[in-house]
Amino acid sequence: HRVYQKRDFGNQSLKCKYFALFAM
């Protein structure tokens, strides 16, 4: 929720984690 609220889509560590979750 905080990533979308702050538009923090450039954080590479979080992007890797959540894209892995999206894949699963």
PDBML (XML) file of the C-alpha atoms, coordinates in Angstrom:
<?xml version="1.0" encoding="UTF-8" ?>
<PDBx:datablock datablockName="MODEL"
   xmlns:PDBx="http://pdbml.pdb.org/schema/pdbx-v50.xsd"
   xmlns:xsi="http://www.w3.org/2001/XMLSchema-instance"
   xsi:schemaLocation="http://pdbml.pdb.org/schema/pdbx-v50.xsd pdbx-v50.xsd">
   <PDBx:atom_siteCategory>
      <PDBx:atom_site id="1">
         <PDBx:B_iso_or_equiv>0.00</PDBx:B_iso_or_equiv>
         <PDBx:Cartn_x>0.000</PDBx:Cartn_x>
         <PDBx:Cartn_y>0.000</PDBx:Cartn_y>
         <PDBx:Cartn_z>0.000</PDBx:Cartn_z>
         <PDBx:auth_asym_id>A</PDBx:auth_asym_id>
         <PDBx:auth_atom_id>CA</PDBx:auth_atom_id>
         <PDBx:auth_comp_id>HIS</PDBx:auth_comp_id>
         <PDBx:auth_seq_id>1</PDBx:auth_seq_id>
         <PDBx:group_PDB>ATOM</PDBx:group_PDB>
         <PDBx:label_alt_id xsi:nil="true" />
         <PDBx:label_asym_id>A</PDBx:label_asym_id>
         <PDBx:label_atom_id>CA</PDBx:label_atom_id>
         <PDBx:label_comp_id>HIS</PDBx:label_comp_id>
         <PDBx:label_entity_id>1</PDBx:label_entity_id>
         <PDBx:label_seq_id>1</PDBx:label_seq_id>
         <PDBx:occupancy>1.00</PDBx:occupancy>
         <PDBx:pdbx_PDB_model_num>1</PDBx:pdbx_PDB_model_num>
         <PDBx:type_symbol>C</PDBx:type_symbol>
      </PDBx:atom_site>
      <PDBx:atom_site id="2">
         <PDBx:B_iso_or_equiv>0.00</PDBx:B_iso_or_equiv>
         <PDBx:Cartn_x>2.786</PDBx:Cartn_x>
         <PDBx:Cartn_y>2.461</PDBx:Cartn_y>
         <PDBx:Cartn_z>0.873</PDBx:Cartn_z>
         <PDBx:auth_asym_id>A</PDBx:auth_asym_id>
         <PDBx:auth_atom_id>CA</PDBx:auth_atom_id>
         <PDBx:auth_comp_id>ARG</PDBx:auth_comp_id>
         <PDBx:auth_seq_id>2</PDBx:auth_seq_id>
         <PDBx:group_PDB>ATOM</PDBx:group_PDB>
         <PDBx:label_alt_id xsi:nil="true" />
         <PDBx:label_asym_id>A</PDBx:label_asym_id>
         <PDBx:label_atom_id>CA</PDBx:label_atom_id>
         <PDBx:label_comp_id>ARG</PDBx:label_comp_id>
         <PDBx:label_entity_id>1</PDBx:label_entity_id>
         <PDBx:label_seq_id>2</PDBx:label_seq_id>
         <PDBx:occupancy>1.00</PDBx:occupancy>
         <PDBx:pdbx_PDB_model_num>1</PDBx:pdbx_PDB_model_num>
         <PDBx:type_symbol>C</PDBx:type_symbol>
      </PDBx:atom_site>
      <PDBx:atom_site id="3">
         <PDBx:B_iso_or_equiv>0.00</PDBx:B_iso_or_equiv>
         <PDBx:Cartn_x>4.568</PDBx:Cartn_x>
         <PDBx:Cartn_y>1.809</PDBx:Cartn_y>
         <PDBx:Cartn_z>-2.444</PDBx:Cartn_z>
         <PDBx:auth_asym_id>A</PDBx:auth_asym_id>
         <PDBx:auth_atom_id>CA</PDBx:auth_atom_id>
         <PDBx:auth_comp_id>VAL</PDBx:auth_comp_id>
         <PDBx:auth_seq_id>3</PDBx:auth_seq_id>
         <PDBx:group_PDB>ATOM</PDBx:group_PDB>
         <PDBx:label_alt_id xsi:nil="true" />
         <PDBx:label_asym_id>A</PDBx:label_asym_id>
         <PDBx:label_atom_id>CA</PDBx:label_atom_id>
         <PDBx:label_comp_id>VAL</PDBx:label_comp_id>
         <PDBx:label_entity_id>1</PDBx:label_entity_id>
         <PDBx:label_seq_id>3</PDBx:label_seq_id>
         <PDBx:occupancy>1.00</PDBx:occupancy>
         <PDBx:pdbx_PDB_model_num>1</PDBx:pdbx_PDB_model_num>
         <PDBx:type_symbol>C</PDBx:type_symbol>
      </PDBx:atom_site>
      <PDBx:atom_site id="4">
         <PDBx:B_iso_or_equiv>0.00</PDBx:B_iso_or_equiv>
         <PDBx:Cartn_x>1.432</PDBx:Cartn_x>
         <PDBx:Cartn_y>2.797</PDBx:Cartn_y>
         <PDBx:Cartn_z>-4.361</PDBx:Cartn_z>
         <PDBx:auth_asym_id>A</PDBx:auth_asym_id>
         <PDBx:auth_atom_id>CA</PDBx:auth_atom_id>
         <PDBx:auth_comp_id>TYR</PDBx:auth_comp_id>
         <PDBx:auth_seq_id>4</PDBx:auth_seq_id>
         <PDBx:group_PDB>ATOM</PDBx:group_PDB>
         <PDBx:label_alt_id xsi:nil="true" />
         <PDBx:label_asym_id>A</PDBx:label_asym_id>
         <PDBx:label_atom_id>CA</PDBx:label_atom_id>
         <PDBx:label_comp_id>TYR</PDBx:label_comp_id>
         <PDBx:label_entity_id>1</PDBx:label_entity_id>
         <PDBx:label_seq_id>4</PDBx:label_seq_id>
         <PDBx:occupancy>1.00</PDBx:occupancy>
         <PDBx:pdbx_PDB_model_num>1</PDBx:pdbx_PDB_model_num>
         <PDBx:type_symbol>C</PDBx:type_symbol>
      </PDBx:atom_site>
      <PDBx:atom_site id="5">
         <PDBx:B_iso_or_equiv>0.00</PDBx:B_iso_or_equiv>
         <PDBx:Cartn_x>0.640</PDBx:Cartn_x>
         <PDBx:Cartn_y>5.715</PDBx:Cartn_y>
         <PDBx:Cartn_z>-2.080</PDBx:Cartn_z>
         <PDBx:auth_asym_id>A</PDBx:auth_asym_id>
         <PDBx:auth_atom_id>CA</PDBx:auth_atom_id>
         <PDBx:auth_comp_id>GLN</PDBx:auth_comp_id>
         <PDBx:auth_seq_id>5</PDBx:auth_seq_id>
         <PDBx:group_PDB>ATOM</PDBx:group_PDB>
         <PDBx:label_alt_id xsi:nil="true" />
         <PDBx:label_asym_id>A</PDBx:label_asym_id>
         <PDBx:label_atom_id>CA</PDBx:label_atom_id>
         <PDBx:label_comp_id>GLN</PDBx:label_comp_id>
         <PDBx:label_entity_id>1</PDBx:label_entity_id>
         <PDBx:label_seq_id>5</PDBx:label_seq_id>
         <PDBx:occupancy>1.00</PDBx:occupancy>
         <PDBx:pdbx_PDB_model_num>1</PDBx:pdbx_PDB_model_num>
         <PDBx:type_symbol>C</PDBx:type_symbol>
      </PDBx:atom_site>
      <PDBx:atom_site id="6">
         <PDBx:B_iso_or_equiv>0.00</PDBx:B_iso_or_equiv>
         <PDBx:Cartn_x>4.144</PDBx:Cartn_x>
         <PDBx:Cartn_y>7.191</PDBx:Cartn_y>
         <PDBx:Cartn_z>-2.418</PDBx:Cartn_z>
         <PDBx:auth_asym_id>A</PDBx:auth_asym_id>
         <PDBx:auth_atom_id>CA</PDBx:auth_atom_id>
         <PDBx:auth_comp_id>LYS</PDBx:auth_comp_id>
         <PDBx:auth_seq_id>6</PDBx:auth_seq_id>
         <PDBx:group_PDB>ATOM</PDBx:group_PDB>
         <PDBx:label_alt_id xsi:nil="true" />
         <PDBx:label_asym_id>A</PDBx:label_asym_id>
         <PDBx:label_atom_id>CA</PDBx:label_atom_id>
         <PDBx:label_comp_id>LYS</PDBx:label_comp_id>
         <PDBx:label_entity_id>1</PDBx:label_entity_id>
         <PDBx:label_seq_id>6</PDBx:label_seq_id>
         <PDBx:occupancy>1.00</PDBx:occupancy>
         <PDBx:pdbx_PDB_model_num>1</PDBx:pdbx_PDB_model_num>
         <PDBx:type_symbol>C</PDBx:type_symbol>
      </PDBx:atom_site>
      <PDBx:atom_site id="7">
         <PDBx:B_iso_or_equiv>0.00</PDBx:B_iso_or_equiv>
         <PDBx:Cartn_x>4.586</PDBx:Cartn_x>
         <PDBx:Cartn_y>6.065</PDBx:Cartn_y>
         <PDBx:Cartn_z>-6.036</PDBx:Cartn_z>
         <PDBx:auth_asym_id>A</PDBx:auth_asym_id>
         <PDBx:auth_atom_id>CA</PDBx:auth_atom_id>
         <PDBx:auth_comp_id>ARG</PDBx:auth_comp_id>
         <PDBx:auth_seq_id>7</PDBx:auth_seq_id>
         <PDBx:group_PDB>ATOM</PDBx:group_PDB>
         <PDBx:label_alt_id xsi:nil="true" />
         <PDBx:label_asym_id>A</PDBx:label_asym_id>
         <PDBx:label_atom_id>CA</PDBx:label_atom_id>
         <PDBx:label_comp_id>ARG</PDBx:label_comp_id>
         <PDBx:label_entity_id>1</PDBx:label_entity_id>
         <PDBx:label_seq_id>7</PDBx:label_seq_id>
         <PDBx:occupancy>1.00</PDBx:occupancy>
         <PDBx:pdbx_PDB_model_num>1</PDBx:pdbx_PDB_model_num>
         <PDBx:type_symbol>C</PDBx:type_symbol>
      </PDBx:atom_site>
      <PDBx:atom_site id="8">
         <PDBx:B_iso_or_equiv>0.00</PDBx:B_iso_or_equiv>
         <PDBx:Cartn_x>7.866</PDBx:Cartn_x>
         <PDBx:Cartn_y>4.507</PDBx:Cartn_y>
         <PDBx:Cartn_z>-4.901</PDBx:Cartn_z>
         <PDBx:auth_asym_id>A</PDBx:auth_asym_id>
         <PDBx:auth_atom_id>CA</PDBx:auth_atom_id>
         <PDBx:auth_comp_id>ASP</PDBx:auth_comp_id>
         <PDBx:auth_seq_id>8</PDBx:auth_seq_id>
         <PDBx:group_PDB>ATOM</PDBx:group_PDB>
         <PDBx:label_alt_id xsi:nil="true" />
         <PDBx:label_asym_id>A</PDBx:label_asym_id>
         <PDBx:label_atom_id>CA</PDBx:label_atom_id>
         <PDBx:label_comp_id>ASP</PDBx:label_comp_id>
         <PDBx:label_entity_id>1</PDBx:label_entity_id>
         <PDBx:label_seq_id>8</PDBx:label_seq_id>
         <PDBx:occupancy>1.00</PDBx:occupancy>
         <PDBx:pdbx_PDB_model_num>1</PDBx:pdbx_PDB_model_num>
         <PDBx:type_symbol>C</PDBx:type_symbol>
      </PDBx:atom_site>
      <PDBx:atom_site id="9">
         <PDBx:B_iso_or_equiv>0.00</PDBx:B_iso_or_equiv>
         <PDBx:Cartn_x>8.122</PDBx:Cartn_x>
         <PDBx:Cartn_y>2.272</PDBx:Cartn_y>
         <PDBx:Cartn_z>-7.960</PDBx:Cartn_z>
         <PDBx:auth_asym_id>A</PDBx:auth_asym_id>
         <PDBx:auth_atom_id>CA</PDBx:auth_atom_id>
         <PDBx:auth_comp_id>PHE</PDBx:auth_comp_id>
         <PDBx:auth_seq_id>9</PDBx:auth_seq_id>
         <PDBx:group_PDB>ATOM</PDBx:group_PDB>
         <PDBx:label_alt_id xsi:nil="true" />
         <PDBx:label_asym_id>A</PDBx:label_asym_id>
         <PDBx:label_atom_id>CA</PDBx:label_atom_id>
         <PDBx:label_comp_id>PHE</PDBx:label_comp_id>
         <PDBx:label_entity_id>1</PDBx:label_entity_id>
         <PDBx:label_seq_id>9</PDBx:label_seq_id>
         <PDBx:occupancy>1.00</PDBx:occupancy>
         <PDBx:pdbx_PDB_model_num>1</PDBx:pdbx_PDB_model_num>
         <PDBx:type_symbol>C</PDBx:type_symbol>
      </PDBx:atom_site>
      <PDBx:atom_site id="10">
         <PDBx:B_iso_or_equiv>0.00</PDBx:B_iso_or_equiv>
         <PDBx:Cartn_x>11.854</PDBx:Cartn_x>
         <PDBx:Cartn_y>2.886</PDBx:Cartn_y>
         <PDBx:Cartn_z>-8.445</PDBx:Cartn_z>
         <PDBx:auth_asym_id>A</PDBx:auth_asym_id>
         <PDBx:auth_atom_id>CA</PDBx:auth_atom_id>
         <PDBx:auth_comp_id>GLY</PDBx:auth_comp_id>
         <PDBx:auth_seq_id>10</PDBx:auth_seq_id>
         <PDBx:group_PDB>ATOM</PDBx:group_PDB>
         <PDBx:label_alt_id xsi:nil="true" />
         <PDBx:label_asym_id>A</PDBx:label_asym_id>
         <PDBx:label_atom_id>CA</PDBx:label_atom_id>
         <PDBx:label_comp_id>GLY</PDBx:label_comp_id>
         <PDBx:label_entity_id>1</PDBx:label_entity_id>
         <PDBx:label_seq_id>10</PDBx:label_seq_id>
         <PDBx:occupancy>1.00</PDBx:occupancy>
         <PDBx:pdbx_PDB_model_num>1</PDBx:pdbx_PDB_model_num>
         <PDBx:type_symbol>C</PDBx:type_symbol>
      </PDBx:atom_site>
      <PDBx:atom_site id="11">
         <PDBx:B_iso_or_equiv>0.00</PDBx:B_iso_or_equiv>
         <PDBx:Cartn_x>12.965</PDBx:Cartn_x>
         <PDBx:Cartn_y>1.020</PDBx:Cartn_y>
         <PDBx:Cartn_z>-5.317</PDBx:Cartn_z>
         <PDBx:auth_asym_id>A</PDBx:auth_asym_id>
         <PDBx:auth_atom_id>CA</PDBx:auth_atom_id>
         <PDBx:auth_comp_id>ASN</PDBx:auth_comp_id>
         <PDBx:auth_seq_id>11</PDBx:auth_seq_id>
         <PDBx:group_PDB>ATOM</PDBx:group_PDB>
         <PDBx:label_alt_id xsi:nil="true" />
         <PDBx:label_asym_id>A</PDBx:label_asym_id>
         <PDBx:label_atom_id>CA</PDBx:label_atom_id>
         <PDBx:label_comp_id>ASN</PDBx:label_comp_id>
         <PDBx:label_entity_id>1</PDBx:label_entity_id>
         <PDBx:label_seq_id>11</PDBx:label_seq_id>
         <PDBx:occupancy>1.00</PDBx:occupancy>
         <PDBx:pdbx_PDB_model_num>1</PDBx:pdbx_PDB_model_num>
         <PDBx:type_symbol>C</PDBx:type_symbol>
      </PDBx:atom_site>
      <PDBx:atom_site id="12">
         <PDBx:B_iso_or_equiv>0.00</PDBx:B_iso_or_equiv>
         <PDBx:Cartn_x>14.846</PDBx:Cartn_x>
         <PDBx:Cartn_y>-1.902</PDBx:Cartn_y>
         <PDBx:Cartn_z>-6.886</PDBx:Cartn_z>
         <PDBx:auth_asym_id>A</PDBx:auth_asym_id>
         <PDBx:auth_atom_id>CA</PDBx:auth_atom_id>
         <PDBx:auth_comp_id>GLN</PDBx:auth_comp_id>
         <PDBx:auth_seq_id>12</PDBx:auth_seq_id>
         <PDBx:group_PDB>ATOM</PDBx:group_PDB>
         <PDBx:label_alt_id xsi:nil="true" />
         <PDBx:label_asym_id>A</PDBx:label_asym_id>
         <PDBx:label_atom_id>CA</PDBx:label_atom_id>
         <PDBx:label_comp_id>GLN</PDBx:label_comp_id>
         <PDBx:label_entity_id>1</PDBx:label_entity_id>
         <PDBx:label_seq_id>12</PDBx:label_seq_id>
         <PDBx:occupancy>1.00</PDBx:occupancy>
         <PDBx:pdbx_PDB_model_num>1</PDBx:pdbx_PDB_model_num>
         <PDBx:type_symbol>C</PDBx:type_symbol>
      </PDBx:atom_site>
      <PDBx:atom_site id="13">
         <PDBx:B_iso_or_equiv>0.00</PDBx:B_iso_or_equiv>
         <PDBx:Cartn_x>14.785</PDBx:Cartn_x>
         <PDBx:Cartn_y>-4.152</PDBx:Cartn_y>
         <PDBx:Cartn_z>-3.797</PDBx:Cartn_z>
         <PDBx:auth_asym_id>A</PDBx:auth_asym_id>
         <PDBx:auth_atom_id>CA</PDBx:auth_atom_id>
         <PDBx:auth_comp_id>SER</PDBx:auth_comp_id>
         <PDBx:auth_seq_id>13</PDBx:auth_seq_id>
         <PDBx:group_PDB>ATOM</PDBx:group_PDB>
         <PDBx:label_alt_id xsi:nil="true" />
         <PDBx:label_asym_id>A</PDBx:label_asym_id>
         <PDBx:label_atom_id>CA</PDBx:label_atom_id>
         <PDBx:label_comp_id>SER</PDBx:label_comp_id>
         <PDBx:label_entity_id>1</PDBx:label_entity_id>
         <PDBx:label_seq_id>13</PDBx:label_seq_id>
         <PDBx:occupancy>1.00</PDBx:occupancy>
         <PDBx:pdbx_PDB_model_num>1</PDBx:pdbx_PDB_model_num>
         <PDBx:type_symbol>C</PDBx:type_symbol>
      </PDBx:atom_site>
      <PDBx:atom_site id="14">
         <PDBx:B_iso_or_equiv>0.00</PDBx:B_iso_or_equiv>
         <PDBx:Cartn_x>11.034</PDBx:Cartn_x>
         <PDBx:Cartn_y>-3.819</PDBx:Cartn_y>
         <PDBx:Cartn_z>-3.311</PDBx:Cartn_z>
         <PDBx:auth_asym_id>A</PDBx:auth_asym_id>
         <PDBx:auth_atom_id>CA</PDBx:auth_atom_id>
         <PDBx:auth_comp_id>LEU</PDBx:auth_comp_id>
         <PDBx:auth_seq_id>14</PDBx:auth_seq_id>
         <PDBx:group_PDB>ATOM</PDBx:group_PDB>
         <PDBx:label_alt_id xsi:nil="true" />
         <PDBx:label_asym_id>A</PDBx:label_asym_id>
         <PDBx:label_atom_id>CA</PDBx:label_atom_id>
         <PDBx:label_comp_id>LEU</PDBx:label_comp_id>
         <PDBx:label_entity_id>1</PDBx:label_entity_id>
         <PDBx:label_seq_id>14</PDBx:label_seq_id>
         <PDBx:occupancy>1.00</PDBx:occupancy>
         <PDBx:pdbx_PDB_model_num>1</PDBx:pdbx_PDB_model_num>
         <PDBx:type_symbol>C</PDBx:type_symbol>
      </PDBx:atom_site>
      <PDBx:atom_site id="15">
         <PDBx:B_iso_or_equiv>0.00</PDBx:B_iso_or_equiv>
         <PDBx:Cartn_x>10.385</PDBx:Cartn_x>
         <PDBx:Cartn_y>-4.133</PDBx:Cartn_y>
         <PDBx:Cartn_z>-7.036</PDBx:Cartn_z>
         <PDBx:auth_asym_id>A</PDBx:auth_asym_id>
         <PDBx:auth_atom_id>CA</PDBx:auth_atom_id>
         <PDBx:auth_comp_id>LYS</PDBx:auth_comp_id>
         <PDBx:auth_seq_id>15</PDBx:auth_seq_id>
         <PDBx:group_PDB>ATOM</PDBx:group_PDB>
         <PDBx:label_alt_id xsi:nil="true" />
         <PDBx:label_asym_id>A</PDBx:label_asym_id>
         <PDBx:label_atom_id>CA</PDBx:label_atom_id>
         <PDBx:label_comp_id>LYS</PDBx:label_comp_id>
         <PDBx:label_entity_id>1</PDBx:label_entity_id>
         <PDBx:label_seq_id>15</PDBx:label_seq_id>
         <PDBx:occupancy>1.00</PDBx:occupancy>
         <PDBx:pdbx_PDB_model_num>1</PDBx:pdbx_PDB_model_num>
         <PDBx:type_symbol>C</PDBx:type_symbol>
      </PDBx:atom_site>
      <PDBx:atom_site id="16">
         <PDBx:B_iso_or_equiv>0.00</PDBx:B_iso_or_equiv>
         <PDBx:Cartn_x>12.278</PDBx:Cartn_x>
         <PDBx:Cartn_y>-7.437</PDBx:Cartn_y>
         <PDBx:Cartn_z>-7.122</PDBx:Cartn_z>
         <PDBx:auth_asym_id>A</PDBx:auth_asym_id>
         <PDBx:auth_atom_id>CA</PDBx:auth_atom_id>
         <PDBx:auth_comp_id>CYS</PDBx:auth_comp_id>
         <PDBx:auth_seq_id>16</PDBx:auth_seq_id>
         <PDBx:group_PDB>ATOM</PDBx:group_PDB>
         <PDBx:label_alt_id xsi:nil="true" />
         <PDBx:label_asym_id>A</PDBx:label_asym_id>
         <PDBx:label_atom_id>CA</PDBx:label_atom_id>
         <PDBx:label_comp_id>CYS</PDBx:label_comp_id>
         <PDBx:label_entity_id>1</PDBx:label_entity_id>
         <PDBx:label_seq_id>16</PDBx:label_seq_id>
         <PDBx:occupancy>1.00</PDBx:occupancy>
         <PDBx:pdbx_PDB_model_num>1</PDBx:pdbx_PDB_model_num>
         <PDBx:type_symbol>C</PDBx:type_symbol>
      </PDBx:atom_site>
      <PDBx:atom_site id="17">
         <PDBx:B_iso_or_equiv>0.00</PDBx:B_iso_or_equiv>
         <PDBx:Cartn_x>10.354</PDBx:Cartn_x>
         <PDBx:Cartn_y>-8.809</PDBx:Cartn_y>
         <PDBx:Cartn_z>-4.140</PDBx:Cartn_z>
         <PDBx:auth_asym_id>A</PDBx:auth_asym_id>
         <PDBx:auth_atom_id>CA</PDBx:auth_atom_id>
         <PDBx:auth_comp_id>LYS</PDBx:auth_comp_id>
         <PDBx:auth_seq_id>17</PDBx:auth_seq_id>
         <PDBx:group_PDB>ATOM</PDBx:group_PDB>
         <PDBx:label_alt_id xsi:nil="true" />
         <PDBx:label_asym_id>A</PDBx:label_asym_id>
         <PDBx:label_atom_id>CA</PDBx:label_atom_id>
         <PDBx:label_comp_id>LYS</PDBx:label_comp_id>
         <PDBx:label_entity_id>1</PDBx:label_entity_id>
         <PDBx:label_seq_id>17</PDBx:label_seq_id>
         <PDBx:occupancy>1.00</PDBx:occupancy>
         <PDBx:pdbx_PDB_model_num>1</PDBx:pdbx_PDB_model_num>
         <PDBx:type_symbol>C</PDBx:type_symbol>
      </PDBx:atom_site>
      <PDBx:atom_site id="18">
         <PDBx:B_iso_or_equiv>0.00</PDBx:B_iso_or_equiv>
         <PDBx:Cartn_x>6.897</PDBx:Cartn_x>
         <PDBx:Cartn_y>-7.775</PDBx:Cartn_y>
         <PDBx:Cartn_z>-5.341</PDBx:Cartn_z>
         <PDBx:auth_asym_id>A</PDBx:auth_asym_id>
         <PDBx:auth_atom_id>CA</PDBx:auth_atom_id>
         <PDBx:auth_comp_id>TYR</PDBx:auth_comp_id>
         <PDBx:auth_seq_id>18</PDBx:auth_seq_id>
         <PDBx:group_PDB>ATOM</PDBx:group_PDB>
         <PDBx:label_alt_id xsi:nil="true" />
         <PDBx:label_asym_id>A</PDBx:label_asym_id>
         <PDBx:label_atom_id>CA</PDBx:label_atom_id>
         <PDBx:label_comp_id>TYR</PDBx:label_comp_id>
         <PDBx:label_entity_id>1</PDBx:label_entity_id>
         <PDBx:label_seq_id>18</PDBx:label_seq_id>
         <PDBx:occupancy>1.00</PDBx:occupancy>
         <PDBx:pdbx_PDB_model_num>1</PDBx:pdbx_PDB_model_num>
         <PDBx:type_symbol>C</PDBx:type_symbol>
      </PDBx:atom_site>
      <PDBx:atom_site id="19">
         <PDBx:B_iso_or_equiv>0.00</PDBx:B_iso_or_equiv>
         <PDBx:Cartn_x>7.474</PDBx:Cartn_x>
         <PDBx:Cartn_y>-8.811</PDBx:Cartn_y>
         <PDBx:Cartn_z>-8.946</PDBx:Cartn_z>
         <PDBx:auth_asym_id>A</PDBx:auth_asym_id>
         <PDBx:auth_atom_id>CA</PDBx:auth_atom_id>
         <PDBx:auth_comp_id>PHE</PDBx:auth_comp_id>
         <PDBx:auth_seq_id>19</PDBx:auth_seq_id>
         <PDBx:group_PDB>ATOM</PDBx:group_PDB>
         <PDBx:label_alt_id xsi:nil="true" />
         <PDBx:label_asym_id>A</PDBx:label_asym_id>
         <PDBx:label_atom_id>CA</PDBx:label_atom_id>
         <PDBx:label_comp_id>PHE</PDBx:label_comp_id>
         <PDBx:label_entity_id>1</PDBx:label_entity_id>
         <PDBx:label_seq_id>19</PDBx:label_seq_id>
         <PDBx:occupancy>1.00</PDBx:occupancy>
         <PDBx:pdbx_PDB_model_num>1</PDBx:pdbx_PDB_model_num>
         <PDBx:type_symbol>C</PDBx:type_symbol>
      </PDBx:atom_site>
      <PDBx:atom_site id="20">
         <PDBx:B_iso_or_equiv>0.00</PDBx:B_iso_or_equiv>
         <PDBx:Cartn_x>8.432</PDBx:Cartn_x>
         <PDBx:Cartn_y>-12.251</PDBx:Cartn_y>
         <PDBx:Cartn_z>-7.614</PDBx:Cartn_z>
         <PDBx:auth_asym_id>A</PDBx:auth_asym_id>
         <PDBx:auth_atom_id>CA</PDBx:auth_atom_id>
         <PDBx:auth_comp_id>ALA</PDBx:auth_comp_id>
         <PDBx:auth_seq_id>20</PDBx:auth_seq_id>
         <PDBx:group_PDB>ATOM</PDBx:group_PDB>
         <PDBx:label_alt_id xsi:nil="true" />
         <PDBx:label_asym_id>A</PDBx:label_asym_id>
         <PDBx:label_atom_id>CA</PDBx:label_atom_id>
         <PDBx:label_comp_id>ALA</PDBx:label_comp_id>
         <PDBx:label_entity_id>1</PDBx:label_entity_id>
         <PDBx:label_seq_id>20</PDBx:label_seq_id>
         <PDBx:occupancy>1.00</PDBx:occupancy>
         <PDBx:pdbx_PDB_model_num>1</PDBx:pdbx_PDB_model_num>
         <PDBx:type_symbol>C</PDBx:type_symbol>
      </PDBx:atom_site>
      <PDBx:atom_site id="21">
         <PDBx:B_iso_or_equiv>0.00</PDBx:B_iso_or_equiv>
         <PDBx:Cartn_x>5.175</PDBx:Cartn_x>
         <PDBx:Cartn_y>-12.261</PDBx:Cartn_y>
         <PDBx:Cartn_z>-5.643</PDBx:Cartn_z>
         <PDBx:auth_asym_id>A</PDBx:auth_asym_id>
         <PDBx:auth_atom_id>CA</PDBx:auth_atom_id>
         <PDBx:auth_comp_id>LEU</PDBx:auth_comp_id>
         <PDBx:auth_seq_id>21</PDBx:auth_seq_id>
         <PDBx:group_PDB>ATOM</PDBx:group_PDB>
         <PDBx:label_alt_id xsi:nil="true" />
         <PDBx:label_asym_id>A</PDBx:label_asym_id>
         <PDBx:label_atom_id>CA</PDBx:label_atom_id>
         <PDBx:label_comp_id>LEU</PDBx:label_comp_id>
         <PDBx:label_entity_id>1</PDBx:label_entity_id>
         <PDBx:label_seq_id>21</PDBx:label_seq_id>
         <PDBx:occupancy>1.00</PDBx:occupancy>
         <PDBx:pdbx_PDB_model_num>1</PDBx:pdbx_PDB_model_num>
         <PDBx:type_symbol>C</PDBx:type_symbol>
      </PDBx:atom_site>
      <PDBx:atom_site id="22">
         <PDBx:B_iso_or_equiv>0.00</PDBx:B_iso_or_equiv>
         <PDBx:Cartn_x>3.229</PDBx:Cartn_x>
         <PDBx:Cartn_y>-11.127</PDBx:Cartn_y>
         <PDBx:Cartn_z>-8.718</PDBx:Cartn_z>
         <PDBx:auth_asym_id>A</PDBx:auth_asym_id>
         <PDBx:auth_atom_id>CA</PDBx:auth_atom_id>
         <PDBx:auth_comp_id>PHE</PDBx:auth_comp_id>
         <PDBx:auth_seq_id>22</PDBx:auth_seq_id>
         <PDBx:group_PDB>ATOM</PDBx:group_PDB>
         <PDBx:label_alt_id xsi:nil="true" />
         <PDBx:label_asym_id>A</PDBx:label_asym_id>
         <PDBx:label_atom_id>CA</PDBx:label_atom_id>
         <PDBx:label_comp_id>PHE</PDBx:label_comp_id>
         <PDBx:label_entity_id>1</PDBx:label_entity_id>
         <PDBx:label_seq_id>22</PDBx:label_seq_id>
         <PDBx:occupancy>1.00</PDBx:occupancy>
         <PDBx:pdbx_PDB_model_num>1</PDBx:pdbx_PDB_model_num>
         <PDBx:type_symbol>C</PDBx:type_symbol>
      </PDBx:atom_site>
      <PDBx:atom_site id="23">
         <PDBx:B_iso_or_equiv>0.00</PDBx:B_iso_or_equiv>
         <PDBx:Cartn_x>4.769</PDBx:Cartn_x>
         <PDBx:Cartn_y>-14.002</PDBx:Cartn_y>
         <PDBx:Cartn_z>-10.683</PDBx:Cartn_z>
         <PDBx:auth_asym_id>A</PDBx:auth_asym_id>
         <PDBx:auth_atom_id>CA</PDBx:auth_atom_id>
         <PDBx:auth_comp_id>ALA</PDBx:auth_comp_id>
         <PDBx:auth_seq_id>23</PDBx:auth_seq_id>
         <PDBx:group_PDB>ATOM</PDBx:group_PDB>
         <PDBx:label_alt_id xsi:nil="true" />
         <PDBx:label_asym_id>A</PDBx:label_asym_id>
         <PDBx:label_atom_id>CA</PDBx:label_atom_id>
         <PDBx:label_comp_id>ALA</PDBx:label_comp_id>
         <PDBx:label_entity_id>1</PDBx:label_entity_id>
         <PDBx:label_seq_id>23</PDBx:label_seq_id>
         <PDBx:occupancy>1.00</PDBx:occupancy>
         <PDBx:pdbx_PDB_model_num>1</PDBx:pdbx_PDB_model_num>
         <PDBx:type_symbol>C</PDBx:type_symbol>
      </PDBx:atom_site>
      <PDBx:atom_site id="24">
         <PDBx:B_iso_or_equiv>0.00</PDBx:B_iso_or_equiv>
         <PDBx:Cartn_x>3.699</PDBx:Cartn_x>
         <PDBx:Cartn_y>-16.563</PDBx:Cartn_y>
         <PDBx:Cartn_z>-8.100</PDBx:Cartn_z>
         <PDBx:auth_asym_id>A</PDBx:auth_asym_id>
         <PDBx:auth_atom_id>CA</PDBx:auth_atom_id>
         <PDBx:auth_comp_id>MET</PDBx:auth_comp_id>
         <PDBx:auth_seq_id>24</PDBx:auth_seq_id>
         <PDBx:group_PDB>ATOM</PDBx:group_PDB>
         <PDBx:label_alt_id xsi:nil="true" />
         <PDBx:label_asym_id>A</PDBx:label_asym_id>
         <PDBx:label_atom_id>CA</PDBx:label_atom_id>
         <PDBx:label_comp_id>MET</PDBx:label_comp_id>
         <PDBx:label_entity_id>1</PDBx:label_entity_id>
         <PDBx:label_seq_id>24</PDBx:label_seq_id>
         <PDBx:occupancy>1.00</PDBx:occupancy>
         <PDBx:pdbx_PDB_model_num>1</PDBx:pdbx_PDB_model_num>
         <PDBx:type_symbol>C</PDBx:type_symbol>
      </PDBx:atom_site>
   </PDBx:atom_siteCategory>
</PDBx:datablock>
